[in-house]
Amino acid sequence: MEEKKSEITSLDLMFLAAELRKKMVNGVFKKIYQYGSSKNKQLIFGIYHPEHGEYFLYVDSTKIFITKKKEPVPQEPPSFCMFLRKYLMGKKIINVTQHGFDRIIEITTRENILIFELIPPGNVILCDTYYNIIMPLEVQTWKDRKILPKVPYKYPPQPVNPFSLDLDSFNKMVKSFDSNVTAFLARRMGFGRDYAREFCARAGVPEDRECRDITLDETIKLHTVINSILKEAGKGYIYHDMVSPFILKSKKETPKEMETFSDALD
C-alpha cells in the first residue's frame, strides 16, 4: 500500500502554483463542495476551463492539487460552502500565485481573492480585492494576527525565500547556523528533510557536515543545486514513502512517473 504525502512543503507548492496557474487561469468556478466540519477544512472546487474541460481542485489544511474525482457530496452543504458559492460561482479565475516561499496559495477573480493557508492549523479565507476579509472558514486569533470578518488580511511572518538569496547571503546564513547542513536546509531554508538530503546528495556535501565546517566550495555547490532545481518542473514522481515534482537522485528506487505533480499527489 502506497503512503500518502501528509504535508506539502513550500518547494512542492512552488511547483504546484505554476501547475495550477497553467491549468486554472481563464477557468470558471462551476461547483463548490465542503466535507465535514470546518475543522476538516476539506473543500472541492469544480472548475470548467475552455481548453482543459472540467476537473476538480482538492484542498484541505495541508494539501492542494487537481483531481479527477470527488467523494460523495454531503446532502446539506455547510454555511461556509454556501457562502463561497454566492461569491465565486460562475466567476473567472484570472491568477493563481504562491505568497513568497510560504505555504499560501491565492486564487484571484476580478471581484475576490481566495486564500488557502496550508500551514497548520490551515484556513480558507475569502477577501475582496483589497485584502479585506469577507469571511474565513475558521476564525483564528494570535497575538499579532487575526483572521476575522471585516478586518484587513495579514500574512503570517514570512519565511526565508532561498531562491532570492545571493551566494554571499546564503553563505553567511549557512555559517551562522548552529547545526548540520541537513538541518539548515530542512528548517532554516524550509525545504523539509527529504529535499534537504536530496540537495546534499546532488551537491556532494555530507548530510552530517556541521555548518561551521562547511567550505566555500561546498556552499557554492549547494547554492547552485538549489537554484537549478526549478528547471526540472513538469511531472510527478511517486516513491514508496513520498511524492516529488522531480526525480530524487538520493533514492535508489525507480519512481512511478505521472504526467503532472497533481496526478502524483492524487
Protein backbone atom coordinates (compact mmCIF):
# COMPACT_ATOMS: atom_id res chain seq x y z
CA MET A 1 0.00 0.00 0.00
CA GLU A 2 1.43 3.39 -1.01
CA GLU A 3 1.99 6.03 1.66
CA LYS A 4 0.12 9.30 1.34
CA LYS A 5 2.03 12.57 1.32
CA SER A 6 0.80 14.06 4.59
CA GLU A 7 2.02 17.62 4.12
CA ILE A 8 3.09 19.77 1.22
CA THR A 9 6.35 21.72 1.57
CA SER A 10 6.95 25.26 0.33
CA LEU A 11 9.03 23.81 -2.51
CA ASP A 12 6.21 21.46 -3.50
CA LEU A 13 3.89 24.44 -3.53
CA MET A 14 6.20 26.43 -5.77
CA PHE A 15 5.89 23.70 -8.42
CA LEU A 16 2.17 23.30 -7.78
CA ALA A 17 1.48 27.03 -8.10
CA ALA A 18 3.00 27.04 -11.59
CA GLU A 19 0.99 23.92 -12.48
CA LEU A 20 -2.28 25.35 -11.12
CA ARG A 21 -1.72 28.68 -12.84
CA LYS A 22 -1.24 26.94 -16.19
CA LYS A 23 -4.36 24.81 -15.73
CA MET A 24 -6.74 27.21 -13.93
CA VAL A 25 -6.27 30.73 -15.31
CA ASN A 26 -9.30 31.56 -17.52
CA GLY A 27 -11.23 28.72 -15.93
CA VAL A 28 -14.56 29.29 -14.16
CA PHE A 29 -15.84 28.09 -10.77
CA LYS A 30 -18.78 25.79 -11.51
CA LYS A 31 -19.27 23.77 -8.30
CA ILE A 32 -18.12 24.07 -4.67
CA TYR A 33 -18.38 21.32 -2.05
CA GLN A 34 -17.34 21.18 1.60
CA TYR A 35 -16.85 17.95 3.53
CA GLY A 36 -17.41 17.59 7.25
CA SER A 37 -16.96 20.41 9.75
CA SER A 38 -14.76 23.48 9.42
CA LYS A 39 -12.11 21.59 11.43
CA ASN A 40 -11.59 19.22 8.48
CA LYS A 41 -11.06 22.12 6.08
CA GLN A 42 -11.80 19.84 3.12
CA LEU A 43 -13.16 21.57 0.02
CA ILE A 44 -13.53 20.59 -3.60
CA PHE A 45 -13.98 23.16 -6.36
CA GLY A 46 -15.45 22.07 -9.69
CA ILE A 47 -13.83 24.11 -12.45
CA TYR A 48 -14.57 24.38 -16.15
CA HIS A 49 -11.80 25.53 -18.48
CA PRO A 50 -12.38 26.17 -22.21
CA GLU A 51 -9.14 24.29 -23.08
CA HIS A 52 -8.88 21.68 -20.32
CA GLY A 53 -12.55 20.81 -19.78
CA GLU A 54 -14.00 20.01 -16.34
CA TYR A 55 -11.92 18.93 -13.34
CA PHE A 56 -11.77 19.38 -9.55
CA LEU A 57 -9.43 21.24 -7.21
CA TYR A 58 -8.99 19.46 -3.86
CA VAL A 59 -7.95 21.45 -0.78
CA ASP A 60 -7.54 20.59 2.90
CA SER A 61 -5.50 22.06 5.77
CA THR A 62 -2.14 20.86 4.35
CA LYS A 63 -2.62 19.97 0.67
CA ILE A 64 -3.91 21.31 -2.63
CA PHE A 65 -3.96 19.60 -6.03
CA ILE A 66 -6.06 18.95 -9.12
CA THR A 67 -8.05 15.73 -9.06
CA LYS A 68 -10.33 13.91 -11.48
CA LYS A 69 -12.62 12.52 -8.79
CA LYS A 70 -14.64 13.62 -5.77
CA GLU A 71 -16.16 11.85 -2.81
CA PRO A 72 -19.97 11.59 -2.45
CA VAL A 73 -21.34 15.08 -1.85
CA PRO A 74 -22.93 15.99 1.53
CA GLN A 75 -26.70 16.43 1.16
CA GLU A 76 -26.76 19.72 3.04
CA PRO A 77 -23.79 21.99 2.31
CA PRO A 78 -22.29 23.79 5.35
CA SER A 79 -22.82 27.54 5.62
CA PHE A 80 -19.28 28.44 4.51
CA CYS A 81 -19.73 26.36 1.36
CA MET A 82 -22.96 28.21 0.59
CA PHE A 83 -21.14 31.49 1.24
CA LEU A 84 -18.38 30.63 -1.25
CA ARG A 85 -20.95 29.61 -3.84
CA LYS A 86 -22.63 33.00 -3.52
CA TYR A 87 -19.38 34.88 -4.23
CA LEU A 88 -17.48 32.56 -6.58
CA MET A 89 -19.88 30.51 -8.72
CA GLY A 90 -19.53 31.48 -12.36
CA LYS A 91 -16.53 33.72 -11.67
CA LYS A 92 -13.49 33.63 -13.95
CA ILE A 93 -10.07 32.84 -12.46
CA ILE A 94 -7.51 35.44 -13.50
CA ASN A 95 -4.46 34.36 -11.48
CA VAL A 96 -3.06 31.71 -9.13
CA THR A 97 0.00 32.61 -7.04
CA GLN A 98 2.12 31.44 -4.11
CA HIS A 99 2.87 34.05 -1.47
CA GLY A 100 6.66 34.29 -1.34
CA PHE A 101 8.10 30.93 -0.31
CA ASP A 102 5.27 30.23 2.12
CA ARG A 103 2.58 27.54 2.12
CA ILE A 104 -0.07 30.00 0.98
CA ILE A 105 -1.90 29.90 -2.36
CA GLU A 106 -4.08 32.73 -3.66
CA ILE A 107 -6.70 32.36 -6.40
CA THR A 108 -7.82 35.69 -7.82
CA THR A 109 -11.02 36.63 -9.65
CA ARG A 110 -11.98 40.15 -10.70
CA GLU A 111 -14.05 40.54 -7.53
CA ASN A 112 -12.25 38.46 -4.89
CA ILE A 113 -9.07 36.83 -3.63
CA LEU A 114 -9.44 33.31 -2.19
CA ILE A 115 -6.56 32.49 0.15
CA PHE A 116 -5.59 28.95 1.17
CA GLU A 117 -3.28 28.80 4.18
CA LEU A 118 -1.73 25.33 4.16
CA ILE A 119 0.29 25.96 7.32
CA PRO A 120 -1.23 24.04 10.26
CA PRO A 121 -3.89 24.58 11.51
CA GLY A 122 -4.79 25.73 7.97
CA ASN A 123 -7.58 28.01 6.78
CA VAL A 124 -9.54 29.21 3.75
CA ILE A 125 -10.17 32.96 3.61
CA LEU A 126 -12.29 34.92 1.17
CA CYS A 127 -11.19 38.54 0.73
CA ASP A 128 -12.15 41.42 -1.53
CA THR A 129 -9.54 42.68 -4.00
CA TYR A 130 -8.08 44.97 -1.32
CA TYR A 131 -7.39 42.03 1.04
CA ASN A 132 -10.19 42.91 3.42
CA ILE A 133 -11.53 39.67 4.89
CA ILE A 134 -15.13 38.95 3.92
CA MET A 135 -15.33 35.55 5.63
CA PRO A 136 -12.85 32.87 6.81
CA LEU A 137 -13.64 29.18 7.08
CA GLU A 138 -12.39 29.39 10.67
CA VAL A 139 -11.94 32.42 12.93
CA GLN A 140 -8.37 32.41 14.25
CA THR A 141 -6.54 34.83 16.53
CA TRP A 142 -2.90 35.18 17.51
CA LYS A 143 -1.09 37.87 19.45
CA ASP A 144 -0.17 39.85 16.34
CA ARG A 145 -2.61 38.48 13.76
CA LYS A 146 -6.37 37.98 13.50
CA ILE A 147 -8.40 36.13 10.89
CA LEU A 148 -11.83 37.69 11.36
CA PRO A 149 -14.55 39.06 9.08
CA LYS A 150 -14.30 42.78 8.23
CA VAL A 151 -10.61 43.19 9.14
CA PRO A 152 -7.63 43.52 6.74
CA TYR A 153 -5.93 40.22 5.98
CA LYS A 154 -2.40 39.97 7.39
CA TYR A 155 0.08 37.34 6.26
CA PRO A 156 1.91 35.18 8.81
CA PRO A 157 5.59 36.07 9.41
CA GLN A 158 7.27 35.39 6.08
CA PRO A 159 9.93 32.65 5.94
CA VAL A 160 13.21 32.99 4.08
CA ASN A 161 12.94 32.56 0.32
CA PRO A 162 16.07 30.55 -0.59
CA PHE A 163 15.63 31.39 -4.27
CA SER A 164 16.04 35.10 -3.55
CA LEU A 165 19.37 34.72 -1.72
CA ASP A 166 22.61 35.60 -3.49
CA LEU A 167 25.66 33.45 -2.77
CA ASP A 168 27.11 35.80 -0.14
CA SER A 169 23.86 35.94 1.85
CA PHE A 170 23.40 32.18 1.57
CA ASN A 171 26.97 31.53 2.74
CA LYS A 172 26.57 33.81 5.78
CA MET A 173 23.32 32.09 6.78
CA VAL A 174 24.87 28.62 6.48
CA LYS A 175 27.95 29.54 8.52
CA SER A 176 25.87 31.10 11.31
CA PHE A 177 23.52 28.10 11.71
CA ASP A 178 24.22 26.04 14.81
CA SER A 179 23.65 22.51 13.47
CA ASN A 180 24.42 20.36 10.43
CA VAL A 181 23.74 21.25 6.81
CA THR A 182 20.70 18.95 6.51
CA ALA A 183 19.01 20.68 9.43
CA PHE A 184 19.88 24.08 7.92
CA LEU A 185 18.28 23.21 4.57
CA ALA A 186 15.29 21.48 6.15
CA ARG A 187 14.43 24.06 8.82
CA ARG A 188 16.08 27.39 8.02
CA MET A 189 15.51 27.19 4.26
CA GLY A 190 12.13 25.45 4.63
CA PHE A 191 12.80 22.54 2.26
CA GLY A 192 11.93 19.72 4.67
CA ARG A 193 14.19 16.76 5.44
CA ASP A 194 13.71 14.76 2.20
CA TYR A 195 14.61 17.64 -0.11
CA ALA A 196 17.45 18.72 2.21
CA ARG A 197 19.00 15.26 1.79
CA GLU A 198 18.45 15.42 -1.96
CA PHE A 199 20.30 18.73 -2.28
CA CYS A 200 23.18 17.42 -0.19
CA ALA A 201 23.41 14.34 -2.40
CA ARG A 202 23.38 16.39 -5.61
CA ALA A 203 25.99 18.82 -4.27
CA GLY A 204 28.20 16.04 -2.90
CA VAL A 205 28.06 17.51 0.62
CA PRO A 206 27.84 15.05 3.55
CA GLU A 207 24.44 15.27 5.27
CA ASP A 208 26.00 15.49 8.71
CA ARG A 209 28.52 18.20 7.82
CA GLU A 210 28.39 20.84 10.57
CA CYS A 211 27.55 24.26 9.13
CA ARG A 212 30.54 25.87 10.84
CA ASP A 213 32.82 23.40 8.99
CA ILE A 214 31.35 23.79 5.51
CA THR A 215 33.76 25.04 2.84
CA LEU A 216 33.06 27.85 0.39
CA ASP A 217 33.24 25.32 -2.47
CA GLU A 218 30.53 23.22 -0.78
CA THR A 219 28.37 26.30 -0.22
CA ILE A 220 28.70 27.25 -3.89
CA LYS A 221 27.65 23.73 -4.95
CA LEU A 222 24.60 23.77 -2.65
CA HIS A 223 23.57 27.24 -3.84
CA THR A 224 23.90 26.14 -7.48
CA VAL A 225 21.93 22.90 -6.93
CA ILE A 226 19.08 24.73 -5.17
CA ASN A 227 18.73 27.34 -7.91
CA SER A 228 18.89 24.77 -10.71
CA ILE A 229 16.04 22.66 -9.30
CA LEU A 230 13.32 24.90 -10.73
CA LYS A 231 14.32 23.88 -14.25
CA GLU A 232 13.08 20.34 -13.56
CA ALA A 233 9.36 21.19 -13.34
CA GLY A 234 6.77 19.34 -15.35
CA LYS A 235 5.94 15.89 -13.99
CA GLY A 236 5.24 13.98 -10.77
CA TYR A 237 7.11 11.03 -9.28
CA ILE A 238 5.73 8.51 -6.76
CA TYR A 239 8.10 6.79 -4.34
CA HIS A 240 7.12 4.26 -1.66
CA ASP A 241 7.19 6.93 1.06
CA MET A 242 6.57 10.25 -0.75
CA VAL A 243 5.83 12.02 -4.00
CA SER A 244 8.01 14.66 -5.64
CA PRO A 245 7.79 17.10 -8.57
CA PHE A 246 11.27 15.99 -9.71
CA ILE A 247 13.35 12.79 -9.67
CA LEU A 248 15.11 12.23 -6.34
CA LYS A 249 18.67 11.15 -7.08
CA SER A 250 19.17 10.38 -3.38
CA LYS A 251 16.69 7.47 -3.58
CA LYS A 252 17.71 4.13 -5.05
CA GLU A 253 14.24 3.02 -6.18
CA THR A 254 12.76 3.80 -9.60
CA PRO A 255 9.69 6.01 -9.12
CA LYS A 256 6.36 5.74 -10.87
CA GLU A 257 6.21 8.66 -13.29
CA MET A 258 2.97 10.66 -13.65
CA GLU A 259 2.04 13.32 -16.18
CA THR A 260 1.79 16.09 -13.55
CA PHE A 261 2.65 16.64 -9.87
CA SER A 262 -1.10 16.86 -9.13
CA ASP A 263 -1.57 13.40 -10.67
CA ALA A 264 1.09 12.02 -8.33
CA LEU A 265 -0.49 13.69 -5.29
CA ASP A 266 -3.94 12.50 -6.36
